[in-house]
Amino acid sequence: MTLQALGGLVSLALLAWCVHTAWKGGALERFRGLSGTDAWTLAALSLLSLTLNGTLFWVTLAPLKRLRWVDVLAVNAVATFLAYFPFKLSIVWRVLVHHRRDRLPVLTIGAWLIANAAVVLAVLLPPALAGLWRQRVDGPYIAAALGGILVLLLALHAVAVWFGGARGLERLRGLLGRHGWRGRITGSARFERLHEGLGMLAHAPTLAAAAGLRLADLLVQAVRFVVAARAIGESLPAHDAVLIAGVYFLIGVVSPSGAVGAREGGATGLARVLPGVNYAAFAGVALAVSAAEVVVVVISVALALLWLKPWRLLGRGGAEAAGDPRIQ
């Protein structure tokens, strides 16, 4: 907790650095003239990104359990807001609500999150590497990005099919060991719960839909940066926008100190080393993108809480759900 608190202070320092850089570079002054069209466009793109992310979670879980789409969107909206802060409260929120409200076992939720993370990496890494290689959008860039995504998804699917299901579970136990402490782990019910994540990835339609949603979200996030840059008279090449959007998203997901500050600082730091990108102006672009997102997320959270009524989870129904042996 101490390390995460210190990380939070570092994130705030990065946020202050972005504000200072944008102010010094004149980007904040130029954003005062932001048109209503650009502001609404950024808000709409942020809402679309939030919806795509929530739908991705809903789609990934579908092979195991079909939850209501609007419920998953509401949970994801609150989790997105909590991800702004340290201590990974977003994960605590997802586990609490889906365990108590939707009767999902805790380790099944863990497998669900791991499966989503695998899809994220498979979709984001190839465009990032292709952008660093080509430094422009052309035929080889598109071929490398899409080809890399396809190769990683096929490899992910093949591994999930081979080790998924009852036969795959036996193969995995044989590989990891059946005796001693390893046997106690692989033979446990908890290990079987985590193993369920492979079933999500082994279902080809689910994997394809999840990858499509993640790719669509990457493009939407890249367009946000292009729109914000255009609003202050700056030009942001498409390949740089895709690369920065991917880094911005990944930092927001993995940062233990919270997304705020860390992702803006990381994206601005990346822009600083990219040729042809005015990083001083880009600091303002990153702040504008985040500001539009925060407004959309806060409004979405208010609606989500009214829909989910999470205070009921602390009552009798939540306690009964937590004690149900079927969901341990």
Protein backbone atom coordinates (compact mmCIF):
# COMPACT_ATOMS: atom_id res chain seq x y z
CA MET A 1 0.00 0.00 0.00
CA THR A 2 2.92 2.31 0.74
CA LEU A 3 4.43 1.64 -2.67
CA GLN A 4 1.10 2.33 -4.36
CA ALA A 5 0.68 5.54 -2.38
CA LEU A 6 4.14 6.65 -3.48
CA GLY A 7 3.22 5.66 -7.02
CA GLY A 8 0.15 7.86 -6.71
CA LEU A 9 2.37 10.80 -5.81
CA VAL A 10 4.53 10.06 -8.86
CA SER A 11 1.40 9.98 -11.03
CA LEU A 12 0.31 13.36 -9.67
CA ALA A 13 3.80 14.69 -10.40
CA LEU A 14 3.52 13.41 -13.97
CA LEU A 15 0.13 15.08 -14.30
CA ALA A 16 1.60 18.35 -13.04
CA TRP A 17 4.46 17.98 -15.54
CA CYS A 18 1.95 17.52 -18.38
CA VAL A 19 0.02 20.61 -17.30
CA HIS A 20 3.23 22.66 -17.04
CA THR A 21 4.47 21.39 -20.42
CA ALA A 22 1.14 22.13 -22.12
CA TRP A 23 0.97 25.58 -20.55
CA LYS A 24 4.56 26.40 -21.45
CA GLY A 25 4.00 25.19 -25.02
CA GLY A 26 0.83 27.25 -25.43
CA ALA A 27 -1.46 24.23 -25.88
CA LEU A 28 -3.73 25.14 -22.97
CA GLU A 29 -4.24 28.63 -24.37
CA ARG A 30 -5.20 27.20 -27.75
CA PHE A 31 -7.73 24.84 -26.18
CA ARG A 32 -9.71 27.83 -24.94
CA GLY A 33 -10.97 28.19 -28.49
CA LEU A 34 -12.08 24.56 -28.69
CA SER A 35 -15.24 24.41 -30.80
CA GLY A 36 -18.43 22.80 -29.59
CA THR A 37 -18.20 20.27 -32.41
CA ASP A 38 -14.75 19.11 -31.33
CA ALA A 39 -15.81 18.93 -27.68
CA TRP A 40 -18.89 16.85 -28.49
CA THR A 41 -16.84 14.64 -30.83
CA LEU A 42 -14.32 13.90 -28.07
CA ALA A 43 -17.16 13.13 -25.65
CA ALA A 44 -18.89 10.85 -28.15
CA LEU A 45 -15.67 8.98 -28.89
CA SER A 46 -15.02 8.55 -25.16
CA LEU A 47 -18.52 7.14 -24.69
CA LEU A 48 -18.02 4.79 -27.64
CA SER A 49 -14.70 3.59 -26.19
CA LEU A 50 -16.32 2.98 -22.80
CA THR A 51 -19.11 0.99 -24.47
CA LEU A 52 -16.70 -1.09 -26.53
CA ASN A 53 -14.67 -1.97 -23.44
CA GLY A 54 -17.74 -3.01 -21.50
CA THR A 55 -19.03 -5.06 -24.43
CA LEU A 56 -15.64 -6.80 -24.65
CA PHE A 57 -16.02 -8.04 -21.07
CA TRP A 58 -19.58 -9.20 -21.81
CA VAL A 59 -18.54 -11.09 -24.95
CA THR A 60 -15.56 -12.81 -23.34
CA LEU A 61 -17.62 -14.30 -20.52
CA ALA A 62 -20.42 -15.48 -22.83
CA PRO A 63 -19.12 -19.09 -23.29
CA LEU A 64 -19.34 -19.63 -19.53
CA LYS A 65 -22.25 -17.46 -18.47
CA ARG A 66 -24.51 -14.95 -20.21
CA LEU A 67 -24.94 -11.82 -18.13
CA ARG A 68 -27.11 -8.89 -19.10
CA TRP A 69 -25.21 -6.59 -21.41
CA VAL A 70 -26.33 -3.41 -19.65
CA ASP A 71 -25.24 -4.84 -16.27
CA VAL A 72 -21.72 -5.52 -17.53
CA LEU A 73 -21.56 -2.05 -19.09
CA ALA A 74 -22.58 -0.50 -15.76
CA VAL A 75 -19.99 -2.49 -13.79
CA ASN A 76 -17.31 -1.56 -16.33
CA ALA A 77 -18.18 2.14 -16.13
CA VAL A 78 -17.63 2.21 -12.37
CA ALA A 79 -14.47 0.10 -12.71
CA THR A 80 -13.11 2.55 -15.28
CA PHE A 81 -13.62 5.41 -12.83
CA LEU A 82 -12.01 3.50 -9.94
CA ALA A 83 -9.03 2.67 -12.16
CA TYR A 84 -8.10 6.36 -12.01
CA PHE A 85 -7.02 5.86 -8.38
CA PRO A 86 -4.36 3.71 -6.64
CA PHE A 87 -4.86 0.32 -4.96
CA LYS A 88 -6.53 -1.36 -7.96
CA LEU A 89 -9.99 -0.60 -6.63
CA SER A 90 -11.40 -1.39 -10.07
CA ILE A 91 -10.55 -5.09 -9.65
CA VAL A 92 -12.02 -5.12 -6.13
CA TRP A 93 -15.21 -3.60 -7.54
CA ARG A 94 -15.50 -6.14 -10.37
CA VAL A 95 -14.95 -9.07 -8.02
CA LEU A 96 -17.39 -7.73 -5.42
CA VAL A 97 -20.25 -7.07 -7.83
CA HIS A 98 -19.88 -10.09 -10.11
CA HIS A 99 -19.35 -12.44 -7.16
CA ARG A 100 -22.18 -11.22 -4.99
CA ARG A 101 -24.62 -9.95 -7.59
CA ASP A 102 -24.05 -12.37 -10.47
CA ARG A 103 -22.98 -15.41 -8.43
CA LEU A 104 -19.69 -15.85 -10.30
CA PRO A 105 -16.91 -17.71 -8.44
CA VAL A 106 -13.99 -15.46 -7.55
CA LEU A 107 -11.45 -17.51 -9.51
CA THR A 108 -13.74 -17.61 -12.54
CA ILE A 109 -13.68 -13.81 -12.44
CA GLY A 110 -9.89 -14.03 -12.27
CA ALA A 111 -9.82 -16.29 -15.32
CA TRP A 112 -12.14 -13.85 -17.07
CA LEU A 113 -9.78 -10.94 -16.41
CA ILE A 114 -6.77 -12.96 -17.57
CA ALA A 115 -8.53 -13.93 -20.81
CA ASN A 116 -9.31 -10.25 -21.47
CA ALA A 117 -5.68 -9.32 -20.80
CA ALA A 118 -4.50 -11.93 -23.31
CA VAL A 119 -6.75 -10.46 -26.00
CA VAL A 120 -5.54 -6.93 -25.20
CA LEU A 121 -1.90 -7.89 -25.66
CA ALA A 122 -2.57 -9.87 -28.84
CA VAL A 123 -4.31 -6.89 -30.45
CA LEU A 124 -2.19 -3.98 -29.17
CA LEU A 125 1.37 -5.30 -29.56
CA PRO A 126 1.53 -5.82 -33.37
CA PRO A 127 0.31 -2.30 -34.34
CA ALA A 128 2.71 -0.79 -31.79
CA LEU A 129 5.70 -2.71 -33.13
CA ALA A 130 4.68 -2.05 -36.74
CA GLY A 131 4.44 1.67 -35.99
CA LEU A 132 7.91 1.73 -34.49
CA TRP A 133 9.23 -0.14 -37.53
CA ARG A 134 7.58 1.77 -40.39
CA GLN A 135 7.05 5.26 -38.86
CA ARG A 136 4.15 5.75 -41.28
CA VAL A 137 0.89 4.13 -42.40
CA ASP A 138 1.48 2.21 -45.62
CA GLY A 139 0.99 -1.26 -47.07
CA PRO A 140 3.75 -2.95 -45.04
CA TYR A 141 2.51 -1.29 -41.83
CA ILE A 142 -1.04 -2.54 -42.35
CA ALA A 143 0.16 -6.00 -43.34
CA ALA A 144 2.49 -6.26 -40.33
CA ALA A 145 -0.11 -4.95 -37.87
CA LEU A 146 -3.03 -7.09 -39.06
CA GLY A 147 -0.82 -10.09 -39.81
CA GLY A 148 0.76 -9.91 -36.37
CA ILE A 149 -2.65 -9.72 -34.72
CA LEU A 150 -3.86 -12.73 -36.71
CA VAL A 151 -0.77 -14.79 -35.85
CA LEU A 152 -1.03 -14.03 -32.13
CA LEU A 153 -4.76 -14.75 -32.06
CA LEU A 154 -4.29 -18.07 -33.88
CA ALA A 155 -1.51 -19.03 -31.46
CA LEU A 156 -3.66 -18.01 -28.50
CA HIS A 157 -6.59 -20.02 -29.83
CA ALA A 158 -4.43 -23.08 -30.55
CA VAL A 159 -2.99 -23.09 -27.02
CA ALA A 160 -6.46 -22.61 -25.52
CA VAL A 161 -7.92 -25.46 -27.59
CA TRP A 162 -5.04 -27.82 -26.75
CA PHE A 163 -5.14 -27.15 -23.02
CA GLY A 164 -8.86 -26.31 -22.73
CA GLY A 165 -11.68 -28.65 -21.81
CA ALA A 166 -11.44 -31.88 -19.81
CA ARG A 167 -8.72 -33.39 -22.00
CA GLY A 168 -6.76 -30.17 -22.01
CA LEU A 169 -6.96 -30.01 -18.23
CA GLU A 170 -5.39 -33.46 -18.02
CA ARG A 171 -2.66 -32.40 -20.45
CA LEU A 172 -1.97 -29.32 -18.36
CA ARG A 173 -1.81 -31.35 -15.17
CA GLY A 174 0.61 -33.76 -16.81
CA LEU A 175 2.79 -30.88 -17.96
CA LEU A 176 2.82 -29.05 -14.64
CA GLY A 177 3.03 -32.16 -12.47
CA ARG A 178 0.62 -34.50 -10.69
CA HIS A 179 2.59 -35.23 -7.54
CA GLY A 180 3.74 -33.34 -4.49
CA TRP A 181 2.84 -29.71 -3.98
CA ARG A 182 2.36 -29.19 -7.72
CA GLY A 183 -0.13 -32.04 -7.80
CA ARG A 184 -2.07 -30.52 -4.92
CA ILE A 185 -2.31 -27.26 -6.87
CA THR A 186 -3.23 -28.71 -10.28
CA GLY A 187 -5.68 -31.17 -8.73
CA SER A 188 -7.59 -28.53 -6.79
CA ALA A 189 -10.98 -27.07 -7.63
CA ARG A 190 -9.41 -23.62 -7.61
CA PHE A 191 -7.08 -24.63 -10.42
CA GLU A 192 -10.09 -25.82 -12.42
CA ARG A 193 -11.73 -22.41 -11.94
CA LEU A 194 -8.69 -20.63 -13.33
CA HIS A 195 -8.57 -23.17 -16.14
CA GLU A 196 -11.99 -21.97 -17.29
CA GLY A 197 -10.30 -18.94 -18.83
CA LEU A 198 -8.94 -21.18 -21.58
CA GLY A 199 -12.50 -22.16 -22.46
CA MET A 200 -13.27 -18.53 -23.24
CA LEU A 201 -10.29 -18.26 -25.59
CA ALA A 202 -10.90 -21.69 -27.13
CA HIS A 203 -14.32 -20.55 -28.37
CA ALA A 204 -13.40 -19.15 -31.80
CA PRO A 205 -16.43 -16.83 -32.27
CA THR A 206 -15.85 -15.32 -28.82
CA LEU A 207 -12.15 -14.78 -29.46
CA ALA A 208 -12.84 -13.21 -32.86
CA ALA A 209 -15.53 -10.91 -31.45
CA ALA A 210 -13.31 -9.88 -28.51
CA ALA A 211 -10.38 -9.14 -30.83
CA GLY A 212 -12.62 -7.14 -33.15
CA LEU A 213 -13.93 -5.07 -30.25
CA ARG A 214 -10.43 -4.42 -28.93
CA LEU A 215 -9.19 -3.39 -32.38
CA ALA A 216 -12.20 -1.09 -32.83
CA ASP A 217 -11.51 0.48 -29.45
CA LEU A 218 -7.86 1.04 -30.36
CA LEU A 219 -8.92 2.88 -33.51
CA VAL A 220 -11.50 4.94 -31.59
CA GLN A 221 -8.89 5.94 -29.01
CA ALA A 222 -6.45 6.86 -31.78
CA VAL A 223 -9.09 9.06 -33.44
CA ARG A 224 -9.57 10.87 -30.11
CA PHE A 225 -5.95 11.98 -30.17
CA VAL A 226 -6.18 13.02 -33.83
CA VAL A 227 -9.32 15.09 -33.15
CA ALA A 228 -7.79 16.75 -30.08
CA ALA A 229 -4.57 17.54 -31.98
CA ARG A 230 -6.51 19.02 -34.89
CA ALA A 231 -8.50 21.17 -32.48
CA ILE A 232 -5.35 23.11 -31.55
CA GLY A 233 -3.91 23.18 -35.04
CA GLU A 234 -1.45 20.32 -34.63
CA SER A 235 -0.97 17.34 -36.93
CA LEU A 236 -0.68 13.84 -35.46
CA PRO A 237 0.16 11.08 -37.99
CA ALA A 238 -2.13 8.06 -37.92
CA HIS A 239 0.58 5.54 -37.01
CA ASP A 240 1.73 7.75 -34.12
CA ALA A 241 -1.86 8.12 -32.94
CA VAL A 242 -2.34 4.32 -32.90
CA LEU A 243 0.96 3.79 -31.07
CA ILE A 244 0.25 6.50 -28.49
CA ALA A 245 -3.35 5.32 -27.99
CA GLY A 246 -2.15 1.78 -27.30
CA VAL A 247 0.46 2.95 -24.77
CA TYR A 248 -2.04 5.33 -23.16
CA PHE A 249 -4.54 2.49 -22.71
CA LEU A 250 -2.01 -0.07 -21.46
CA ILE A 251 -0.54 2.30 -18.87
CA GLY A 252 -4.04 3.05 -17.61
CA VAL A 253 -4.73 -0.67 -17.20
CA VAL A 254 -1.49 -1.85 -15.59
CA SER A 255 -0.45 1.19 -13.53
CA PRO A 256 -0.66 0.16 -9.83
CA SER A 257 -0.81 3.83 -8.82
CA GLY A 258 -3.91 4.58 -10.88
CA ALA A 259 -4.41 5.79 -14.43
CA VAL A 260 -4.56 9.54 -13.80
CA GLY A 261 -1.20 11.15 -14.44
CA ALA A 262 0.59 7.93 -15.33
CA ARG A 263 -1.03 7.49 -18.74
CA GLU A 264 -0.86 11.21 -19.64
CA GLY A 265 2.78 11.36 -18.58
CA GLY A 266 3.61 8.11 -20.37
CA ALA A 267 1.89 9.17 -23.58
CA THR A 268 3.57 12.59 -23.50
CA GLY A 269 6.93 10.97 -22.81
CA LEU A 270 6.44 8.71 -25.82
CA ALA A 271 5.45 11.68 -27.99
CA ARG A 272 8.68 13.37 -26.93
CA VAL A 273 10.80 10.67 -28.63
CA LEU A 274 8.66 10.30 -31.74
CA PRO A 275 10.00 12.25 -34.73
CA GLY A 276 7.72 14.96 -36.05
CA VAL A 277 5.49 15.17 -32.94
CA ASN A 278 5.38 18.44 -30.99
CA TYR A 279 5.44 16.90 -27.52
CA ALA A 280 4.80 20.23 -25.76
CA ALA A 281 1.55 20.59 -27.68
CA PHE A 282 0.83 16.90 -27.28
CA ALA A 283 0.80 17.26 -23.49
CA GLY A 284 -2.28 19.45 -23.97
CA VAL A 285 -3.76 16.90 -26.36
CA ALA A 286 -3.39 14.13 -23.76
CA LEU A 287 -4.99 16.32 -21.09
CA ALA A 288 -7.90 17.20 -23.39
CA VAL A 289 -8.54 13.53 -24.21
CA SER A 290 -8.47 12.59 -20.53
CA ALA A 291 -10.69 15.52 -19.53
CA ALA A 292 -13.36 14.54 -22.07
CA GLU A 293 -13.18 10.94 -20.88
CA VAL A 294 -13.48 11.87 -17.20
CA VAL A 295 -16.64 13.90 -17.84
CA VAL A 296 -18.23 11.01 -19.75
CA VAL A 297 -17.15 8.42 -17.17
CA VAL A 298 -18.44 10.42 -14.20
CA ILE A 299 -21.87 10.82 -15.82
CA SER A 300 -21.86 7.12 -16.74
CA VAL A 301 -20.94 6.16 -13.16
CA ALA A 302 -23.90 8.11 -11.77
CA LEU A 303 -26.26 6.27 -14.13
CA ALA A 304 -24.53 2.93 -13.47
CA LEU A 305 -24.90 3.23 -9.69
CA LEU A 306 -28.58 4.04 -10.04
CA TRP A 307 -28.96 0.96 -12.25
CA LEU A 308 -26.89 -1.50 -10.17
CA LYS A 309 -27.90 -0.28 -6.70
CA PRO A 310 -24.67 -1.66 -5.18
CA TRP A 311 -25.74 -0.77 -1.62
CA ARG A 312 -28.02 -3.80 -1.80
CA LEU A 313 -24.91 -6.03 -1.97
CA LEU A 314 -24.18 -5.13 1.66
CA GLY A 315 -27.54 -6.35 2.80
CA ARG A 316 -29.02 -9.74 3.36
CA GLY A 317 -28.98 -10.77 -0.29
CA GLY A 318 -25.29 -10.02 -0.65
CA ALA A 319 -24.43 -11.94 2.49
CA GLU A 320 -26.40 -14.97 1.30
CA ALA A 321 -24.67 -14.84 -2.07
CA ALA A 322 -21.25 -14.64 -0.45
CA GLY A 323 -22.01 -17.69 1.65
CA ASP A 324 -23.44 -19.82 -1.15
CA PRO A 325 -21.15 -22.91 -1.47
CA ARG A 326 -21.95 -23.16 -5.17
CA ILE A 327 -19.96 -20.01 -5.93
CA GLN A 328 -16.84 -20.47 -3.79
